[in-house]
Amino acid sequence: MGEETYYVAKLVVNEEFRSSEIFESLEEARLWGMREAKLEVSDSALRRMDVTSGDVRVEIDEHFFGYECSMSELLSHSERVNL
């Protein structure tokens, strides 16, 4: 059985979901989260919102995607190649 790991980063502002992205590495998810949180804080400052009374956070969840393939399934979806 094969297994792939991916990370889902969610931007939440004042307990309200704003956006999310899927990444292949934790580092990519963290960088996206830092960038999006920084943009959200700077946007709210431009709109003269009180940033200190709000909550801007990024939640990153790790997910696993597993797959399985039997030998008969593999052979039925394969082509013979002559070398």
C-alpha atoms as a PDB file:
ATOM      1  CA  MET A   1       0.000   0.000   0.000  1.00  0.00           C
ATOM      2  CA  GLY A   2       1.311   3.457  -0.899  1.00  0.00           C
ATOM      3  CA  GLU A   3       0.783   6.535   1.178  1.00  0.00           C
ATOM      4  CA  GLU A   4       1.089  10.238   0.414  1.00  0.00           C
ATOM      5  CA  THR A   5       1.122  13.061   2.944  1.00  0.00           C
ATOM      6  CA  TYR A   6      -0.219  16.513   2.291  1.00  0.00           C
ATOM      7  CA  TYR A   7      -0.955  19.566   4.420  1.00  0.00           C
ATOM      8  CA  VAL A   8      -4.059  21.746   4.457  1.00  0.00           C
ATOM      9  CA  ALA A   9      -3.504  25.315   5.672  1.00  0.00           C
ATOM     10  CA  LYS A  10      -6.587  27.342   6.659  1.00  0.00           C
ATOM     11  CA  LEU A  11      -6.676  31.084   7.331  1.00  0.00           C
ATOM     12  CA  VAL A  12      -9.166  31.980  10.072  1.00  0.00           C
ATOM     13  CA  VAL A  13      -9.956  35.593  11.025  1.00  0.00           C
ATOM     14  CA  ASN A  14     -12.156  36.335  14.050  1.00  0.00           C
ATOM     15  CA  GLU A  15     -13.366  32.710  14.064  1.00  0.00           C
ATOM     16  CA  GLU A  16     -14.432  33.061  10.413  1.00  0.00           C
ATOM     17  CA  PHE A  17     -12.902  30.889   7.678  1.00  0.00           C
ATOM     18  CA  ARG A  18     -11.237  33.033   4.980  1.00  0.00           C
ATOM     19  CA  SER A  19      -9.294  30.691   2.684  1.00  0.00           C
ATOM     20  CA  SER A  20      -7.316  27.470   2.463  1.00  0.00           C
ATOM     21  CA  GLU A  21      -4.702  25.788   0.320  1.00  0.00           C
ATOM     22  CA  ILE A  22      -3.250  22.283   0.013  1.00  0.00           C
ATOM     23  CA  PHE A  23       0.524  21.740   0.065  1.00  0.00           C
ATOM     24  CA  GLU A  24       2.929  18.849  -0.329  1.00  0.00           C
ATOM     25  CA  SER A  25       5.226  20.032   2.480  1.00  0.00           C
ATOM     26  CA  LEU A  26       4.783  21.545   5.908  1.00  0.00           C
ATOM     27  CA  GLU A  27       7.265  24.293   5.026  1.00  0.00           C
ATOM     28  CA  GLU A  28       5.172  25.420   2.029  1.00  0.00           C
ATOM     29  CA  ALA A  29       2.053  25.466   4.197  1.00  0.00           C
ATOM     30  CA  ARG A  30       3.793  27.523   6.900  1.00  0.00           C
ATOM     31  CA  LEU A  31       5.124  30.055   4.382  1.00  0.00           C
ATOM     32  CA  TRP A  32       1.681  30.471   2.833  1.00  0.00           C
ATOM     33  CA  GLY A  33       0.176  30.913   6.294  1.00  0.00           C
ATOM     34  CA  MET A  34       2.690  33.563   7.317  1.00  0.00           C
ATOM     35  CA  ARG A  35       2.188  35.472   4.069  1.00  0.00           C
ATOM     36  CA  GLU A  36      -1.622  35.353   4.257  1.00  0.00           C
ATOM     37  CA  ALA A  37      -1.718  36.333   7.943  1.00  0.00           C
ATOM     38  CA  LYS A  38       0.616  39.270   7.281  1.00  0.00           C
ATOM     39  CA  LEU A  39      -1.574  40.432   4.382  1.00  0.00           C
ATOM     40  CA  GLU A  40      -4.692  40.154   6.526  1.00  0.00           C
ATOM     41  CA  VAL A  41      -3.176  42.221   9.343  1.00  0.00           C
ATOM     42  CA  SER A  42      -1.869  44.904   6.963  1.00  0.00           C
ATOM     43  CA  ASP A  43      -5.231  45.064   5.148  1.00  0.00           C
ATOM     44  CA  SER A  44      -7.089  45.495   8.429  1.00  0.00           C
ATOM     45  CA  ALA A  45      -4.676  48.261   9.479  1.00  0.00           C
ATOM     46  CA  LEU A  46      -5.344  50.037   6.194  1.00  0.00           C
ATOM     47  CA  ARG A  47      -9.079  49.856   6.861  1.00  0.00           C
ATOM     48  CA  ARG A  48      -8.439  51.296  10.350  1.00  0.00           C
ATOM     49  CA  MET A  49      -9.689  48.213  12.113  1.00  0.00           C
ATOM     50  CA  ASP A  50      -8.516  47.493  15.621  1.00  0.00           C
ATOM     51  CA  VAL A  51      -6.250  44.529  14.923  1.00  0.00           C
ATOM     52  CA  THR A  52      -5.595  43.828  18.592  1.00  0.00           C
ATOM     53  CA  SER A  53      -9.252  42.987  19.230  1.00  0.00           C
ATOM     54  CA  GLY A  54      -9.316  40.377  16.457  1.00  0.00           C
ATOM     55  CA  ASP A  55      -7.846  36.964  15.993  1.00  0.00           C
ATOM     56  CA  VAL A  56      -5.825  36.039  12.887  1.00  0.00           C
ATOM     57  CA  ARG A  57      -4.505  32.495  12.821  1.00  0.00           C
ATOM     58  CA  VAL A  58      -3.496  29.732  10.456  1.00  0.00           C
ATOM     59  CA  GLU A  59      -4.397  26.118  11.166  1.00  0.00           C
ATOM     60  CA  ILE A  60      -2.323  23.428   9.437  1.00  0.00           C
ATOM     61  CA  ASP A  61      -3.590  19.862   9.387  1.00  0.00           C
ATOM     62  CA  GLU A  62      -1.639  16.844   8.180  1.00  0.00           C
ATOM     63  CA  HIS A  63      -3.550  14.384   6.007  1.00  0.00           C
ATOM     64  CA  PHE A  64      -2.639  10.985   4.597  1.00  0.00           C
ATOM     65  CA  PHE A  65      -3.860   9.611   1.324  1.00  0.00           C
ATOM     66  CA  GLY A  66      -3.410   5.857   1.037  1.00  0.00           C
ATOM     67  CA  TYR A  67      -3.890   3.728  -2.005  1.00  0.00           C
ATOM     68  CA  GLU A  68      -3.708   0.035  -2.708  1.00  0.00           C
ATOM     69  CA  CYS A  69      -3.401  -1.957  -5.909  1.00  0.00           C
ATOM     70  CA  SER A  70      -3.696  -5.720  -6.363  1.00  0.00           C
ATOM     71  CA  MET A  71      -1.483  -7.632  -8.795  1.00  0.00           C
ATOM     72  CA  SER A  72      -4.491  -8.628 -10.955  1.00  0.00           C
ATOM     73  CA  GLU A  73      -5.637  -4.983 -11.143  1.00  0.00           C
ATOM     74  CA  LEU A  74      -2.133  -3.874 -12.061  1.00  0.00           C
ATOM     75  CA  LEU A  75      -1.857  -6.486 -14.838  1.00  0.00           C
ATOM     76  CA  SER A  76      -5.310  -5.711 -16.234  1.00  0.00           C
ATOM     77  CA  HIS A  77      -4.384  -2.013 -16.626  1.00  0.00           C
ATOM     78  CA  SER A  78      -0.905  -2.592 -18.049  1.00  0.00           C
ATOM     79  CA  GLU A  79       0.504  -2.984 -21.557  1.00  0.00           C
ATOM     80  CA  ARG A  80       3.122  -5.440 -22.654  1.00  0.00           C
ATOM     81  CA  VAL A  81       6.188  -3.749 -24.084  1.00  0.00           C
ATOM     82  CA  ASN A  82       8.629  -5.642 -26.307  1.00  0.00           C
ATOM     83  CA  LEU A  83      12.235  -4.577 -25.922  1.00  0.00           C
END
